[in-house]
Each structure stands twice: as C-alpha cells, then as structure tokens.
Amino acid sequence: MISIKIYKQGNEILIGACDEELVGRKFEEGKLQIDVSKAFYGGRIISIETFIQYLKEATIANLVGKNAVECAIKIGLIDPECVLKIKGVPHAQMVRMR
C-alpha cells in the first residue's frame, strides 16, 4: 500500500508518495538525508493500482520506498539509473514538462 498526498497549484499536480510503512521515518547516509514526514507524505492510503493512475496524472512526483519507486519505473516515469538510495531506501523525483 502507498501513502499519498496530492497538492494542486494551477495546472500542476504534485504528489508526495511513499511506501506506507515509511511515513514518519528519517533516513541519513553521509551527506544525504530524507525525512519522510507525515506532513508531506502522510495522506490517503491507496492500492498500487490506484497509485499508478495518480502517477500518470502527476506533473511532479516525490517518491520514497521500493514499491512507490518501482511503480514509477514500471510505467516509464523514472529511469532506474536515476534512483537515489539512502540507507537502502529508494528515492526518486519526477517532473513532467507539458
């Protein structure tokens, strides 16, 4: 399951999404750090299938976790070579230019 929060500003749709179990956790490795805060990522809990539909509509996505990032790779939004790992946790961002 995926935790997702949706932000809309004009024509832009930003989603903050992560694997459900990562909400509220913080990961640090060297100079890298990610805070998977409830304020940004904690929203609705949705299925992978529903998440994929949101990904297809998003213009900006900030993704954390194996399931969330793999979904974006699967539908061609994220290049696997561009995934950052912090303490073994995948993180990727996407911006779609229209």
N, C-alpha and C. Protein backbone atom coordinates (compact mmCIF):
# COMPACT_ATOMS: atom_id res chain seq x y z
N MET A 1 0.85 -1.18 0.00
CA MET A 1 0.00 0.00 0.00
C MET A 1 0.89 1.24 0.00
N ILE A 2 0.35 2.30 -0.55
CA ILE A 2 1.09 3.54 -0.72
C ILE A 2 0.38 4.66 0.03
N SER A 3 1.17 5.49 0.72
CA SER A 3 0.63 6.70 1.34
C SER A 3 0.87 7.84 0.35
N ILE A 4 -0.17 8.60 0.05
CA ILE A 4 -0.05 9.65 -0.95
C ILE A 4 -0.73 10.94 -0.47
N LYS A 5 -0.10 12.03 -0.79
CA LYS A 5 -0.68 13.34 -0.53
C LYS A 5 -0.59 14.10 -1.85
N ILE A 6 -1.68 14.75 -2.22
CA ILE A 6 -1.76 15.43 -3.51
C ILE A 6 -1.85 16.93 -3.29
N TYR A 7 -1.04 17.64 -4.06
CA TYR A 7 -1.00 19.10 -3.98
C TYR A 7 -1.30 19.64 -5.38
N LYS A 8 -2.23 20.58 -5.47
CA LYS A 8 -2.57 21.18 -6.77
C LYS A 8 -2.32 22.68 -6.72
N GLN A 9 -1.65 23.18 -7.76
CA GLN A 9 -1.39 24.60 -7.89
C GLN A 9 -1.52 24.93 -9.38
N GLY A 10 -2.57 25.62 -9.74
CA GLY A 10 -2.80 25.90 -11.15
C GLY A 10 -2.95 24.60 -11.91
N ASN A 11 -2.13 24.44 -12.96
CA ASN A 11 -2.17 23.22 -13.77
C ASN A 11 -1.25 22.12 -13.26
N GLU A 12 -0.51 22.43 -12.21
CA GLU A 12 0.45 21.46 -11.69
C GLU A 12 -0.20 20.55 -10.65
N ILE A 13 0.16 19.27 -10.72
CA ILE A 13 -0.28 18.29 -9.73
C ILE A 13 0.97 17.63 -9.17
N LEU A 14 1.27 17.92 -7.92
CA LEU A 14 2.43 17.34 -7.25
C LEU A 14 1.93 16.26 -6.31
N ILE A 15 2.60 15.12 -6.34
CA ILE A 15 2.27 14.08 -5.38
C ILE A 15 3.51 13.74 -4.55
N GLY A 16 3.29 13.62 -3.26
CA GLY A 16 4.28 13.09 -2.35
C GLY A 16 3.79 11.70 -2.00
N ALA A 17 4.56 10.68 -2.32
CA ALA A 17 4.09 9.31 -2.10
C ALA A 17 5.23 8.44 -1.58
N CYS A 18 4.86 7.52 -0.71
CA CYS A 18 5.85 6.60 -0.16
C CYS A 18 5.18 5.29 0.22
N ASP A 19 6.02 4.29 0.41
CA ASP A 19 5.51 3.03 0.94
C ASP A 19 4.93 3.33 2.32
N GLU A 20 3.76 2.81 2.58
CA GLU A 20 3.01 3.12 3.80
C GLU A 20 3.84 3.04 5.08
N GLU A 21 4.68 2.04 5.20
CA GLU A 21 5.42 1.82 6.45
C GLU A 21 6.55 2.83 6.66
N LEU A 22 6.85 3.67 5.69
CA LEU A 22 7.93 4.64 5.82
C LEU A 22 7.50 5.99 6.36
N VAL A 23 6.19 6.25 6.42
CA VAL A 23 5.71 7.55 6.91
C VAL A 23 6.21 7.80 8.33
N GLY A 24 6.79 8.99 8.52
CA GLY A 24 7.27 9.37 9.83
C GLY A 24 8.71 8.97 10.12
N ARG A 25 9.36 8.32 9.17
CA ARG A 25 10.74 7.87 9.40
C ARG A 25 11.73 8.84 8.74
N LYS A 26 12.94 8.80 9.18
CA LYS A 26 14.01 9.65 8.65
C LYS A 26 15.20 8.77 8.33
N PHE A 27 15.82 9.01 7.18
CA PHE A 27 16.96 8.21 6.75
C PHE A 27 18.14 9.13 6.45
N GLU A 28 19.31 8.76 6.97
CA GLU A 28 20.52 9.53 6.76
C GLU A 28 21.66 8.60 6.37
N GLU A 29 22.46 9.06 5.42
CA GLU A 29 23.64 8.30 5.00
C GLU A 29 24.65 9.30 4.46
N GLY A 30 25.72 9.50 5.18
CA GLY A 30 26.70 10.50 4.78
C GLY A 30 26.06 11.88 4.74
N LYS A 31 26.19 12.55 3.61
CA LYS A 31 25.61 13.89 3.45
C LYS A 31 24.14 13.83 3.01
N LEU A 32 23.65 12.65 2.72
CA LEU A 32 22.27 12.50 2.24
C LEU A 32 21.31 12.29 3.40
N GLN A 33 20.13 12.86 3.26
CA GLN A 33 19.10 12.73 4.30
C GLN A 33 17.72 12.90 3.66
N ILE A 34 16.78 12.12 4.12
CA ILE A 34 15.39 12.32 3.71
C ILE A 34 14.49 12.10 4.92
N ASP A 35 13.60 13.04 5.10
CA ASP A 35 12.62 12.99 6.19
C ASP A 35 11.27 12.68 5.55
N VAL A 36 10.78 11.48 5.76
CA VAL A 36 9.52 11.06 5.17
C VAL A 36 8.40 11.50 6.12
N SER A 37 8.22 12.79 6.18
CA SER A 37 7.32 13.39 7.17
C SER A 37 5.85 13.11 6.87
N LYS A 38 5.11 12.98 7.94
CA LYS A 38 3.66 12.78 7.82
C LYS A 38 3.02 14.01 7.17
N ALA A 39 3.58 15.19 7.44
CA ALA A 39 3.03 16.42 6.88
C ALA A 39 3.08 16.43 5.36
N PHE A 40 4.14 15.89 4.76
CA PHE A 40 4.27 15.91 3.30
C PHE A 40 3.77 14.64 2.64
N TYR A 41 4.07 13.49 3.19
CA TYR A 41 3.75 12.20 2.57
C TYR A 41 2.51 11.52 3.15
N GLY A 42 2.12 11.92 4.35
CA GLY A 42 1.02 11.23 5.03
C GLY A 42 -0.33 11.73 4.56
N GLY A 43 -0.98 10.95 3.82
CA GLY A 43 -2.30 11.31 3.31
C GLY A 43 -3.17 10.08 3.28
N ARG A 44 -3.73 9.83 2.13
CA ARG A 44 -4.56 8.63 1.96
C ARG A 44 -3.68 7.42 1.72
N ILE A 45 -4.17 6.28 2.15
CA ILE A 45 -3.51 5.00 1.87
C ILE A 45 -4.27 4.38 0.71
N ILE A 46 -3.53 4.10 -0.37
CA ILE A 46 -4.17 3.61 -1.59
C ILE A 46 -3.46 2.36 -2.10
N SER A 47 -4.13 1.67 -3.01
CA SER A 47 -3.56 0.47 -3.62
C SER A 47 -2.53 0.87 -4.68
N ILE A 48 -1.72 -0.09 -5.07
CA ILE A 48 -0.73 0.13 -6.13
C ILE A 48 -1.42 0.54 -7.42
N GLU A 49 -2.54 -0.09 -7.76
CA GLU A 49 -3.25 0.20 -8.99
C GLU A 49 -3.74 1.66 -9.01
N THR A 50 -4.30 2.11 -7.90
CA THR A 50 -4.77 3.50 -7.80
C THR A 50 -3.58 4.45 -7.86
N PHE A 51 -2.48 4.09 -7.20
CA PHE A 51 -1.28 4.92 -7.22
C PHE A 51 -0.78 5.12 -8.64
N ILE A 52 -0.77 4.08 -9.44
CA ILE A 52 -0.31 4.19 -10.83
C ILE A 52 -1.16 5.21 -11.59
N GLN A 53 -2.46 5.23 -11.34
CA GLN A 53 -3.32 6.22 -12.01
C GLN A 53 -2.94 7.64 -11.60
N TYR A 54 -2.66 7.86 -10.32
CA TYR A 54 -2.21 9.19 -9.86
C TYR A 54 -0.87 9.56 -10.49
N LEU A 55 0.04 8.61 -10.59
CA LEU A 55 1.34 8.88 -11.21
C LEU A 55 1.18 9.34 -12.65
N LYS A 56 0.27 8.74 -13.37
CA LYS A 56 0.05 9.09 -14.77
C LYS A 56 -0.46 10.51 -14.94
N GLU A 57 -1.13 11.04 -13.92
CA GLU A 57 -1.68 12.39 -13.97
C GLU A 57 -0.74 13.45 -13.40
N ALA A 58 0.20 13.04 -12.57
CA ALA A 58 1.08 13.98 -11.87
C ALA A 58 2.02 14.71 -12.82
N THR A 59 2.29 15.97 -12.50
CA THR A 59 3.31 16.72 -13.23
C THR A 59 4.62 16.72 -12.45
N ILE A 60 4.53 16.52 -11.14
CA ILE A 60 5.70 16.45 -10.27
C ILE A 60 5.44 15.34 -9.26
N ALA A 61 6.46 14.52 -9.02
CA ALA A 61 6.31 13.45 -8.02
C ALA A 61 7.58 13.34 -7.19
N ASN A 62 7.39 13.16 -5.91
CA ASN A 62 8.48 12.93 -4.96
C ASN A 62 8.16 11.58 -4.33
N LEU A 63 8.98 10.59 -4.61
CA LEU A 63 8.67 9.20 -4.25
C LEU A 63 9.73 8.60 -3.35
N VAL A 64 9.28 7.85 -2.35
CA VAL A 64 10.20 7.18 -1.43
C VAL A 64 9.70 5.76 -1.19
N GLY A 65 10.62 4.81 -1.27
CA GLY A 65 10.29 3.42 -0.96
C GLY A 65 10.32 2.53 -2.18
N LYS A 66 10.57 1.27 -1.94
CA LYS A 66 10.71 0.28 -3.01
C LYS A 66 9.46 0.20 -3.88
N ASN A 67 8.29 0.07 -3.28
CA ASN A 67 7.06 -0.09 -4.07
C ASN A 67 6.73 1.16 -4.87
N ALA A 68 6.82 2.33 -4.23
CA ALA A 68 6.48 3.58 -4.90
C ALA A 68 7.40 3.83 -6.09
N VAL A 69 8.69 3.66 -5.88
CA VAL A 69 9.66 3.92 -6.95
C VAL A 69 9.55 2.87 -8.06
N GLU A 70 9.37 1.61 -7.69
CA GLU A 70 9.23 0.57 -8.72
C GLU A 70 8.02 0.78 -9.61
N CYS A 71 6.92 1.29 -9.06
CA CYS A 71 5.74 1.59 -9.87
C CYS A 71 6.07 2.63 -10.93
N ALA A 72 6.78 3.67 -10.53
CA ALA A 72 7.14 4.74 -11.46
C ALA A 72 8.11 4.24 -12.54
N ILE A 73 9.00 3.34 -12.16
CA ILE A 73 9.91 2.73 -13.14
C ILE A 73 9.11 1.88 -14.11
N LYS A 74 8.20 1.09 -13.58
CA LYS A 74 7.39 0.17 -14.38
C LYS A 74 6.62 0.89 -15.49
N ILE A 75 6.11 2.09 -15.21
CA ILE A 75 5.33 2.81 -16.23
C ILE A 75 6.18 3.82 -17.00
N GLY A 76 7.49 3.79 -16.80
CA GLY A 76 8.40 4.59 -17.62
C GLY A 76 8.60 6.03 -17.19
N LEU A 77 8.22 6.39 -15.96
CA LEU A 77 8.39 7.76 -15.50
C LEU A 77 9.74 8.01 -14.83
N ILE A 78 10.36 6.96 -14.34
CA ILE A 78 11.65 7.07 -13.66
C ILE A 78 12.64 6.11 -14.32
N ASP A 79 13.83 6.61 -14.61
CA ASP A 79 14.92 5.79 -15.12
C ASP A 79 15.57 5.11 -13.90
N PRO A 80 15.68 3.80 -13.91
CA PRO A 80 16.27 3.10 -12.77
C PRO A 80 17.68 3.60 -12.42
N GLU A 81 18.40 4.11 -13.41
CA GLU A 81 19.76 4.62 -13.17
C GLU A 81 19.75 5.92 -12.38
N CYS A 82 18.59 6.56 -12.27
CA CYS A 82 18.48 7.85 -11.58
C CYS A 82 17.90 7.74 -10.18
N VAL A 83 17.75 6.53 -9.69
CA VAL A 83 17.19 6.33 -8.34
C VAL A 83 18.32 6.46 -7.31
N LEU A 84 18.07 7.29 -6.33
CA LEU A 84 19.00 7.50 -5.23
C LEU A 84 18.59 6.57 -4.09
N LYS A 85 19.57 5.99 -3.41
CA LYS A 85 19.26 5.16 -2.25
C LYS A 85 19.91 5.77 -1.02
N ILE A 86 19.12 5.95 0.02
CA ILE A 86 19.60 6.46 1.29
C ILE A 86 19.31 5.38 2.33
N LYS A 87 20.36 4.82 2.89
CA LYS A 87 20.23 3.69 3.83
C LYS A 87 19.46 2.54 3.19
N GLY A 88 19.65 2.37 1.88
CA GLY A 88 18.99 1.30 1.15
C GLY A 88 17.56 1.59 0.73
N VAL A 89 17.03 2.77 1.09
CA VAL A 89 15.66 3.14 0.74
C VAL A 89 15.66 3.95 -0.55
N PRO A 90 14.98 3.47 -1.60
CA PRO A 90 14.95 4.18 -2.87
C PRO A 90 14.20 5.52 -2.78
N HIS A 91 14.73 6.51 -3.48
CA HIS A 91 14.11 7.84 -3.56
C HIS A 91 14.26 8.34 -4.98
N ALA A 92 13.18 8.87 -5.53
CA ALA A 92 13.23 9.42 -6.89
C ALA A 92 12.26 10.59 -7.01
N GLN A 93 12.61 11.48 -7.92
CA GLN A 93 11.75 12.63 -8.20
C GLN A 93 11.51 12.68 -9.69
N MET A 94 10.35 13.19 -10.07
CA MET A 94 9.96 13.28 -11.46
C MET A 94 9.31 14.62 -11.71
N VAL A 95 9.65 15.24 -12.84
CA VAL A 95 8.98 16.45 -13.30
C VAL A 95 8.62 16.20 -14.76
N ARG A 96 7.37 16.42 -15.08
CA ARG A 96 6.88 16.22 -16.44
C ARG A 96 6.66 17.59 -17.08
N MET A 97 7.34 17.85 -18.18
CA MET A 97 7.16 19.10 -18.91
C MET A 97 6.07 18.90 -19.95
N ARG A 98 5.08 19.79 -19.91
CA ARG A 98 3.97 19.66 -20.88
C ARG A 98 4.04 20.75 -21.90
